[in-house]
Amino acid sequence: MGQWQLQEAKQRFSEVIRQAHDEGPQIVTRHGEEVAVIIDIAEYRRMAHGAPDFKEFLRSAPDLSMLDIRRSDDPIRTVDLDG
């Protein structure tokens, strides 16, 4: 992941964009602190619109109420540990 000081990123903006596209996210720092990240548009779209959040994922599960799931009423079997 590339890292750019803000002033350098401003001066070489085309290069920052090219690297974001070719190599992945580029981090921009100001006074040594990470303040922004530049990512390729395809990555942004995947993150913003691709996968549902966890709650939506759970809600999209199939309806299992139609399944006939039963547990046996037989007593639990005994296991002989001594022998």
PDB file of N, CA and C in Angstrom:
ATOM      1  N   MET A   1       0.851  -1.164   0.000  1.00  0.00           N
ATOM      2  CA  MET A   1       0.000   0.000   0.000  1.00  0.00           C
ATOM      3  C   MET A   1       0.900   1.231   0.000  1.00  0.00           C
ATOM      4  N   GLY A   2       0.667   2.125  -0.943  1.00  0.00           N
ATOM      5  CA  GLY A   2       1.479   3.329  -1.037  1.00  0.00           C
ATOM      6  C   GLY A   2       1.095   4.356   0.020  1.00  0.00           C
ATOM      7  N   GLN A   3       2.066   5.191   0.348  1.00  0.00           N
ATOM      8  CA  GLN A   3       1.808   6.247   1.320  1.00  0.00           C
ATOM      9  C   GLN A   3       2.404   7.544   0.772  1.00  0.00           C
ATOM     10  N   TRP A   4       1.619   8.615   0.839  1.00  0.00           N
ATOM     11  CA  TRP A   4       2.007   9.905   0.278  1.00  0.00           C
ATOM     12  C   TRP A   4       1.784  11.005   1.302  1.00  0.00           C
ATOM     13  N   GLN A   5       2.752  11.919   1.388  1.00  0.00           N
ATOM     14  CA  GLN A   5       2.513  13.134   2.146  1.00  0.00           C
ATOM     15  C   GLN A   5       1.569  13.997   1.324  1.00  0.00           C
ATOM     16  N   LEU A   6       0.708  14.728   1.979  1.00  0.00           N
ATOM     17  CA  LEU A   6      -0.329  15.510   1.289  1.00  0.00           C
ATOM     18  C   LEU A   6       0.250  16.398   0.190  1.00  0.00           C
ATOM     19  N   GLN A   7       1.306  17.132   0.499  1.00  0.00           N
ATOM     20  CA  GLN A   7       1.894  18.044  -0.495  1.00  0.00           C
ATOM     21  C   GLN A   7       2.371  17.282  -1.724  1.00  0.00           C
ATOM     22  N   GLU A   8       3.025  16.134  -1.509  1.00  0.00           N
ATOM     23  CA  GLU A   8       3.498  15.322  -2.627  1.00  0.00           C
ATOM     24  C   GLU A   8       2.332  14.735  -3.413  1.00  0.00           C
ATOM     25  N   ALA A   9       1.274  14.305  -2.713  1.00  0.00           N
ATOM     26  CA  ALA A   9       0.095  13.761  -3.389  1.00  0.00           C
ATOM     27  C   ALA A   9      -0.559  14.820  -4.274  1.00  0.00           C
ATOM     28  N   LYS A  10      -0.579  16.053  -3.806  1.00  0.00           N
ATOM     29  CA  LYS A  10      -1.141  17.148  -4.613  1.00  0.00           C
ATOM     30  C   LYS A  10      -0.309  17.384  -5.865  1.00  0.00           C
ATOM     31  N   GLN A  11       0.999  17.369  -5.712  1.00  0.00           N
ATOM     32  CA  GLN A  11       1.893  17.635  -6.841  1.00  0.00           C
ATOM     33  C   GLN A  11       1.900  16.489  -7.853  1.00  0.00           C
ATOM     34  N   ARG A  12       1.692  15.267  -7.376  1.00  0.00           N
ATOM     35  CA  ARG A  12       1.780  14.090  -8.243  1.00  0.00           C
ATOM     36  C   ARG A  12       0.452  13.332  -8.277  1.00  0.00           C
ATOM     37  N   PHE A  13      -0.635  14.066  -8.326  1.00  0.00           N
ATOM     38  CA  PHE A  13      -1.968  13.478  -8.227  1.00  0.00           C
ATOM     39  C   PHE A  13      -2.205  12.384  -9.276  1.00  0.00           C
ATOM     40  N   SER A  14      -1.785  12.617 -10.500  1.00  0.00           N
ATOM     41  CA  SER A  14      -1.974  11.604 -11.558  1.00  0.00           C
ATOM     42  C   SER A  14      -1.274  10.298 -11.198  1.00  0.00           C
ATOM     43  N   GLU A  15      -0.073  10.402 -10.622  1.00  0.00           N
ATOM     44  CA  GLU A  15       0.672   9.209 -10.213  1.00  0.00           C
ATOM     45  C   GLU A  15      -0.041   8.494  -9.063  1.00  0.00           C
ATOM     46  N   VAL A  16      -0.582   9.246  -8.119  1.00  0.00           N
ATOM     47  CA  VAL A  16      -1.321   8.648  -7.000  1.00  0.00           C
ATOM     48  C   VAL A  16      -2.518   7.867  -7.537  1.00  0.00           C
ATOM     49  N   ILE A  17      -3.239   8.467  -8.466  1.00  0.00           N
ATOM     50  CA  ILE A  17      -4.409   7.804  -9.060  1.00  0.00           C
ATOM     51  C   ILE A  17      -3.989   6.549  -9.817  1.00  0.00           C
ATOM     52  N   ARG A  18      -2.903   6.636 -10.590  1.00  0.00           N
ATOM     53  CA  ARG A  18      -2.441   5.471 -11.338  1.00  0.00           C
ATOM     54  C   ARG A  18      -2.077   4.336 -10.387  1.00  0.00           C
ATOM     55  N   GLN A  19      -1.378   4.656  -9.314  1.00  0.00           N
ATOM     56  CA  GLN A  19      -0.993   3.621  -8.369  1.00  0.00           C
ATOM     57  C   GLN A  19      -2.203   3.040  -7.639  1.00  0.00           C
ATOM     58  N   ALA A  20      -3.184   3.867  -7.346  1.00  0.00           N
ATOM     59  CA  ALA A  20      -4.407   3.350  -6.715  1.00  0.00           C
ATOM     60  C   ALA A  20      -5.080   2.339  -7.636  1.00  0.00           C
ATOM     61  N   HIS A  21      -5.066   2.631  -8.917  1.00  0.00           N
ATOM     62  CA  HIS A  21      -5.677   1.722  -9.894  1.00  0.00           C
ATOM     63  C   HIS A  21      -4.849   0.447 -10.065  1.00  0.00           C
ATOM     64  N   ASP A  22      -3.527   0.607 -10.193  1.00  0.00           N
ATOM     65  CA  ASP A  22      -2.653  -0.527 -10.510  1.00  0.00           C
ATOM     66  C   ASP A  22      -2.206  -1.332  -9.295  1.00  0.00           C
ATOM     67  N   GLU A  23      -1.999  -0.657  -8.155  1.00  0.00           N
ATOM     68  CA  GLU A  23      -1.362  -1.314  -7.015  1.00  0.00           C
ATOM     69  C   GLU A  23      -2.233  -1.410  -5.771  1.00  0.00           C
ATOM     70  N   GLY A  24      -3.339  -0.690  -5.756  1.00  0.00           N
ATOM     71  CA  GLY A  24      -4.208  -0.749  -4.587  1.00  0.00           C
ATOM     72  C   GLY A  24      -4.270   0.576  -3.844  1.00  0.00           C
ATOM     73  N   PRO A  25      -4.923   0.576  -2.706  1.00  0.00           N
ATOM     74  CA  PRO A  25      -5.166   1.811  -1.956  1.00  0.00           C
ATOM     75  C   PRO A  25      -3.885   2.597  -1.666  1.00  0.00           C
ATOM     76  N   GLN A  26      -4.006   3.921  -1.733  1.00  0.00           N
ATOM     77  CA  GLN A  26      -2.910   4.841  -1.454  1.00  0.00           C
ATOM     78  C   GLN A  26      -3.312   5.715  -0.267  1.00  0.00           C
ATOM     79  N   ILE A  27      -2.458   5.746   0.746  1.00  0.00           N
ATOM     80  CA  ILE A  27      -2.749   6.505   1.956  1.00  0.00           C
ATOM     81  C   ILE A  27      -2.105   7.882   1.856  1.00  0.00           C
ATOM     82  N   VAL A  28      -2.855   8.900   2.261  1.00  0.00           N
ATOM     83  CA  VAL A  28      -2.355  10.272   2.274  1.00  0.00           C
ATOM     84  C   VAL A  28      -2.194  10.692   3.733  1.00  0.00           C
ATOM     85  N   THR A  29      -1.030  11.271   4.034  1.00  0.00           N
ATOM     86  CA  THR A  29      -0.748  11.720   5.397  1.00  0.00           C
ATOM     87  C   THR A  29      -0.592  13.240   5.428  1.00  0.00           C
ATOM     88  N   ARG A  30      -0.896  13.821   6.593  1.00  0.00           N
ATOM     89  CA  ARG A  30      -0.670  15.245   6.833  1.00  0.00           C
ATOM     90  C   ARG A  30      -0.009  15.353   8.199  1.00  0.00           C
ATOM     91  N   HIS A  31       1.159  15.934   8.229  1.00  0.00           N
ATOM     92  CA  HIS A  31       1.938  16.043   9.467  1.00  0.00           C
ATOM     93  C   HIS A  31       2.150  14.663  10.105  1.00  0.00           C
ATOM     94  N   GLY A  32       2.353  13.650   9.259  1.00  0.00           N
ATOM     95  CA  GLY A  32       2.631  12.300   9.742  1.00  0.00           C
ATOM     96  C   GLY A  32       1.408  11.495  10.141  1.00  0.00           C
ATOM     97  N   GLU A  33       0.237  12.085  10.080  1.00  0.00           N
ATOM     98  CA  GLU A  33      -0.993  11.393  10.464  1.00  0.00           C
ATOM     99  C   GLU A  33      -1.781  10.987   9.221  1.00  0.00           C
ATOM    100  N   GLU A  34      -2.238   9.738   9.173  1.00  0.00           N
ATOM    101  CA  GLU A  34      -3.049   9.269   8.045  1.00  0.00           C
ATOM    102  C   GLU A  34      -4.380   9.997   8.053  1.00  0.00           C
ATOM    103  N   VAL A  35      -4.694  10.655   6.924  1.00  0.00           N
ATOM    104  CA  VAL A  35      -5.920  11.456   6.874  1.00  0.00           C
ATOM    105  C   VAL A  35      -6.880  11.027   5.764  1.00  0.00           C
ATOM    106  N   ALA A  36      -6.378  10.287   4.776  1.00  0.00           N
ATOM    107  CA  ALA A  36      -7.249   9.900   3.667  1.00  0.00           C
ATOM    108  C   ALA A  36      -6.677   8.666   2.976  1.00  0.00           C
ATOM    109  N   VAL A  37      -7.543   8.012   2.226  1.00  0.00           N
ATOM    110  CA  VAL A  37      -7.103   6.887   1.400  1.00  0.00           C
ATOM    111  C   VAL A  37      -7.746   7.055   0.029  1.00  0.00           C
ATOM    112  N   ILE A  38      -6.974   6.811  -1.003  1.00  0.00           N
ATOM    113  CA  ILE A  38      -7.460   6.893  -2.380  1.00  0.00           C
ATOM    114  C   ILE A  38      -7.510   5.475  -2.912  1.00  0.00           C
ATOM    115  N   ILE A  39      -8.695   5.075  -3.392  1.00  0.00           N
ATOM    116  CA  ILE A  39      -8.877   3.720  -3.912  1.00  0.00           C
ATOM    117  C   ILE A  39      -9.429   3.763  -5.323  1.00  0.00           C
ATOM    118  N   ASP A  40      -9.246   2.689  -6.041  1.00  0.00           N
ATOM    119  CA  ASP A  40      -9.783   2.544  -7.385  1.00  0.00           C
ATOM    120  C   ASP A  40     -11.308   2.525  -7.335  1.00  0.00           C
ATOM    121  N   ILE A  41     -11.949   3.032  -8.358  1.00  0.00           N
ATOM    122  CA  ILE A  41     -13.419   3.119  -8.387  1.00  0.00           C
ATOM    123  C   ILE A  41     -14.067   1.741  -8.295  1.00  0.00           C
ATOM    124  N   ALA A  42     -13.459   0.735  -8.882  1.00  0.00           N
ATOM    125  CA  ALA A  42     -14.031  -0.616  -8.808  1.00  0.00           C
ATOM    126  C   ALA A  42     -14.041  -1.114  -7.365  1.00  0.00           C
ATOM    127  N   GLU A  43     -12.972  -0.839  -6.637  1.00  0.00           N
ATOM    128  CA  GLU A  43     -12.903  -1.231  -5.227  1.00  0.00           C
ATOM    129  C   GLU A  43     -13.945  -0.471  -4.415  1.00  0.00           C
ATOM    130  N   TYR A  44     -14.092   0.820  -4.696  1.00  0.00           N
ATOM    131  CA  TYR A  44     -15.099   1.622  -3.996  1.00  0.00           C
ATOM    132  C   TYR A  44     -16.501   1.056  -4.241  1.00  0.00           C
ATOM    133  N   ARG A  45     -16.816   0.758  -5.485  1.00  0.00           N
ATOM    134  CA  ARG A  45     -18.156   0.232  -5.797  1.00  0.00           C
ATOM    135  C   ARG A  45     -18.397  -1.110  -5.128  1.00  0.00           C
ATOM    136  N   ARG A  46     -17.363  -1.947  -5.085  1.00  0.00           N
ATOM    137  CA  ARG A  46     -17.498  -3.245  -4.419  1.00  0.00           C
ATOM    138  C   ARG A  46     -17.778  -3.034  -2.933  1.00  0.00           C
ATOM    139  N   MET A  47     -17.063  -2.120  -2.325  1.00  0.00           N
ATOM    140  CA  MET A  47     -17.240  -1.865  -0.898  1.00  0.00           C
ATOM    141  C   MET A  47     -18.588  -1.195  -0.603  1.00  0.00           C
ATOM    142  N   ALA A  48     -18.975  -0.253  -1.432  1.00  0.00           N
ATOM    143  CA  ALA A  48     -20.175   0.536  -1.158  1.00  0.00           C
ATOM    144  C   ALA A  48     -21.465  -0.188  -1.525  1.00  0.00           C
ATOM    145  N   HIS A  49     -21.426  -0.991  -2.569  1.00  0.00           N
ATOM    146  CA  HIS A  49     -22.673  -1.564  -3.083  1.00  0.00           C
ATOM    147  C   HIS A  49     -22.657  -3.072  -3.204  1.00  0.00           C
ATOM    148  N   GLY A  50     -21.529  -3.689  -2.991  1.00  0.00           N
ATOM    149  CA  GLY A  50     -21.396  -5.113  -3.246  1.00  0.00           C
ATOM    150  C   GLY A  50     -22.081  -5.991  -2.230  1.00  0.00           C
ATOM    151  N   ALA A  51     -21.475  -6.192  -1.128  1.00  0.00           N
ATOM    152  CA  ALA A  51     -21.981  -7.138  -0.135  1.00  0.00           C
ATOM    153  C   ALA A  51     -22.945  -6.447   0.822  1.00  0.00           C
ATOM    154  N   PRO A  52     -24.009  -7.137   1.186  1.00  0.00           N
ATOM    155  CA  PRO A  52     -24.927  -6.554   2.167  1.00  0.00           C
ATOM    156  C   PRO A  52     -24.280  -6.516   3.543  1.00  0.00           C
ATOM    157  N   ASP A  53     -24.802  -5.645   4.404  1.00  0.00           N
ATOM    158  CA  ASP A  53     -24.268  -5.659   5.765  1.00  0.00           C
ATOM    159  C   ASP A  53     -24.747  -6.932   6.461  1.00  0.00           C
ATOM    160  N   PHE A  54     -24.229  -7.202   7.646  1.00  0.00           N
ATOM    161  CA  PHE A  54     -24.481  -8.469   8.317  1.00  0.00           C
ATOM    162  C   PHE A  54     -25.970  -8.675   8.603  1.00  0.00           C
ATOM    163  N   LYS A  55     -26.662  -7.621   9.008  1.00  0.00           N
ATOM    164  CA  LYS A  55     -28.092  -7.736   9.306  1.00  0.00           C
ATOM    165  C   LYS A  55     -28.873  -8.098   8.039  1.00  0.00           C
ATOM    166  N   GLU A  56     -28.538  -7.457   6.917  1.00  0.00           N
ATOM    167  CA  GLU A  56     -29.206  -7.792   5.657  1.00  0.00           C
ATOM    168  C   GLU A  56     -28.898  -9.229   5.245  1.00  0.00           C
ATOM    169  N   PHE A  57     -27.668  -9.663   5.481  1.00  0.00           N
ATOM    170  CA  PHE A  57     -27.278 -11.027   5.163  1.00  0.00           C
ATOM    171  C   PHE A  57     -28.144 -12.025   5.937  1.00  0.00           C
ATOM    172  N   LEU A  58     -28.320 -11.790   7.243  1.00  0.00           N
ATOM    173  CA  LEU A  58     -29.136 -12.692   8.051  1.00  0.00           C
ATOM    174  C   LEU A  58     -30.591 -12.677   7.605  1.00  0.00           C
ATOM    175  N   ARG A  59     -31.095 -11.508   7.292  1.00  0.00           N
ATOM    176  CA  ARG A  59     -32.492 -11.406   6.846  1.00  0.00           C
ATOM    177  C   ARG A  59     -32.725 -12.076   5.505  1.00  0.00           C
ATOM    178  N   SER A  60     -31.698 -12.219   4.701  1.00  0.00           N
ATOM    179  CA  SER A  60     -31.857 -12.819   3.380  1.00  0.00           C
ATOM    180  C   SER A  60     -31.784 -14.350   3.405  1.00  0.00           C
ATOM    181  N   ALA A  61     -31.587 -14.920   4.582  1.00  0.00           N
ATOM    182  CA  ALA A  61     -31.511 -16.376   4.695  1.00  0.00           C
ATOM    183  C   ALA A  61     -32.847 -17.003   4.298  1.00  0.00           C
ATOM    184  N   PRO A  62     -32.828 -18.225   3.783  1.00  0.00           N
ATOM    185  CA  PRO A  62     -34.082 -18.878   3.393  1.00  0.00           C
ATOM    186  C   PRO A  62     -34.968 -19.144   4.614  1.00  0.00           C
ATOM    187  N   ASP A  63     -36.262 -19.212   4.363  1.00  0.00           N
ATOM    188  CA  ASP A  63     -37.236 -19.498   5.423  1.00  0.00           C
ATOM    189  C   ASP A  63     -37.164 -20.991   5.752  1.00  0.00           C
ATOM    190  N   LEU A  64     -36.759 -21.300   6.959  1.00  0.00           N
ATOM    191  CA  LEU A  64     -36.592 -22.697   7.368  1.00  0.00           C
ATOM    192  C   LEU A  64     -37.801 -23.229   8.119  1.00  0.00           C
ATOM    193  N   SER A  65     -38.837 -22.441   8.248  1.00  0.00           N
ATOM    194  CA  SER A  65     -40.009 -22.868   9.011  1.00  0.00           C
ATOM    195  C   SER A  65     -40.719 -24.048   8.348  1.00  0.00           C
ATOM    196  N   MET A  66     -40.495 -24.260   7.070  1.00  0.00           N
ATOM    197  CA  MET A  66     -41.161 -25.356   6.368  1.00  0.00           C
ATOM    198  C   MET A  66     -40.443 -26.694   6.572  1.00  0.00           C
ATOM    199  N   LEU A  67     -39.230 -26.667   7.107  1.00  0.00           N
ATOM    200  CA  LEU A  67     -38.501 -27.911   7.345  1.00  0.00           C
ATOM    201  C   LEU A  67     -39.120 -28.668   8.520  1.00  0.00           C
ATOM    202  N   ASP A  68     -39.152 -29.979   8.395  1.00  0.00           N
ATOM    203  CA  ASP A  68     -39.672 -30.821   9.470  1.00  0.00           C
ATOM    204  C   ASP A  68     -38.474 -31.378  10.238  1.00  0.00           C
ATOM    205  N   ILE A  69     -38.051 -30.642  11.255  1.00  0.00           N
ATOM    206  CA  ILE A  69     -36.889 -31.047  12.050  1.00  0.00           C
ATOM    207  C   ILE A  69     -37.397 -31.490  13.410  1.00  0.00           C
ATOM    208  N   ARG A  70     -37.177 -32.760  13.717  1.00  0.00           N
ATOM    209  CA  ARG A  70     -37.638 -33.311  14.995  1.00  0.00           C
ATOM    210  C   ARG A  70     -36.498 -34.022  15.685  1.00  0.00           C
ATOM    211  N   ARG A  71     -36.549 -34.003  16.980  1.00  0.00           N
ATOM    212  CA  ARG A  71     -35.568 -34.719  17.784  1.00  0.00           C
ATOM    213  C   ARG A  71     -36.238 -35.946  18.384  1.00  0.00           C
ATOM    214  N   SER A  72     -35.487 -37.017  18.438  1.00  0.00           N
ATOM    215  CA  SER A  72     -36.013 -38.259  18.984  1.00  0.00           C
ATOM    216  C   SER A  72     -36.353 -38.088  20.463  1.00  0.00           C
ATOM    217  N   ASP A  73     -37.429 -38.750  20.900  1.00  0.00           N
ATOM    218  CA  ASP A  73     -37.818 -38.736  22.307  1.00  0.00           C
ATOM    219  C   ASP A  73     -37.120 -39.840  23.095  1.00  0.00           C
ATOM    220  N   ASP A  74     -36.326 -40.686  22.420  1.00  0.00           N
ATOM    221  CA  ASP A  74     -35.609 -41.770  23.093  1.00  0.00           C
ATOM    222  C   ASP A  74     -34.634 -41.188  24.109  1.00  0.00           C
ATOM    223  N   PRO A  75     -34.438 -41.895  25.224  1.00  0.00           N
ATOM    224  CA  PRO A  75     -33.478 -41.414  26.216  1.00  0.00           C
ATOM    225  C   PRO A  75     -32.055 -41.439  25.656  1.00  0.00           C
ATOM    226  N   ILE A  76     -31.215 -40.651  26.254  1.00  0.00           N
ATOM    227  CA  ILE A  76     -29.818 -40.584  25.834  1.00  0.00           C
ATOM    228  C   ILE A  76     -29.162 -41.927  26.138  1.00  0.00           C
ATOM    229  N   ARG A  77     -28.303 -42.390  25.246  1.00  0.00           N
ATOM    230  CA  ARG A  77     -27.631 -43.676  25.456  1.00  0.00           C
ATOM    231  C   ARG A  77     -26.569 -43.546  26.527  1.00  0.00           C
ATOM    232  N   THR A  78     -26.308 -44.614  27.190  1.00  0.00           N
ATOM    233  CA  THR A  78     -25.318 -44.652  28.245  1.00  0.00           C
ATOM    234  C   THR A  78     -23.976 -45.074  27.653  1.00  0.00           C
ATOM    235  N   VAL A  79     -22.929 -44.412  28.034  1.00  0.00           N
ATOM    236  CA  VAL A  79     -21.588 -44.742  27.540  1.00  0.00           C
ATOM    237  C   VAL A  79     -20.798 -45.322  28.710  1.00  0.00           C
ATOM    238  N   ASP A  80     -20.217 -46.485  28.476  1.00  0.00           N
ATOM    239  CA  ASP A  80     -19.416 -47.138  29.514  1.00  0.00           C
ATOM    240  C   ASP A  80     -17.989 -46.614  29.416  1.00  0.00           C
ATOM    241  N   LEU A  81     -17.573 -45.794  30.367  1.00  0.00           N
ATOM    242  CA  LEU A  81     -16.240 -45.202  30.356  1.00  0.00           C
ATOM    243  C   LEU A  81     -15.182 -46.097  30.976  1.00  0.00           C
ATOM    244  N   ASP A  82     -15.602 -47.183  31.651  1.00  0.00           N
ATOM    245  CA  ASP A  82     -14.645 -48.067  32.316  1.00  0.00           C
ATOM    246  C   ASP A  82     -14.126 -49.176  31.388  1.00  0.00           C
ATOM    247  N   GLY A  83     -14.750 -49.345  30.326  1.00  0.00           N
ATOM    248  CA  GLY A  83     -14.315 -50.444  29.672  1.00  0.00           C
ATOM    249  C   GLY A  83     -14.198 -50.945  28.403  1.00  0.00           C
TER     250      GLY A  83
END
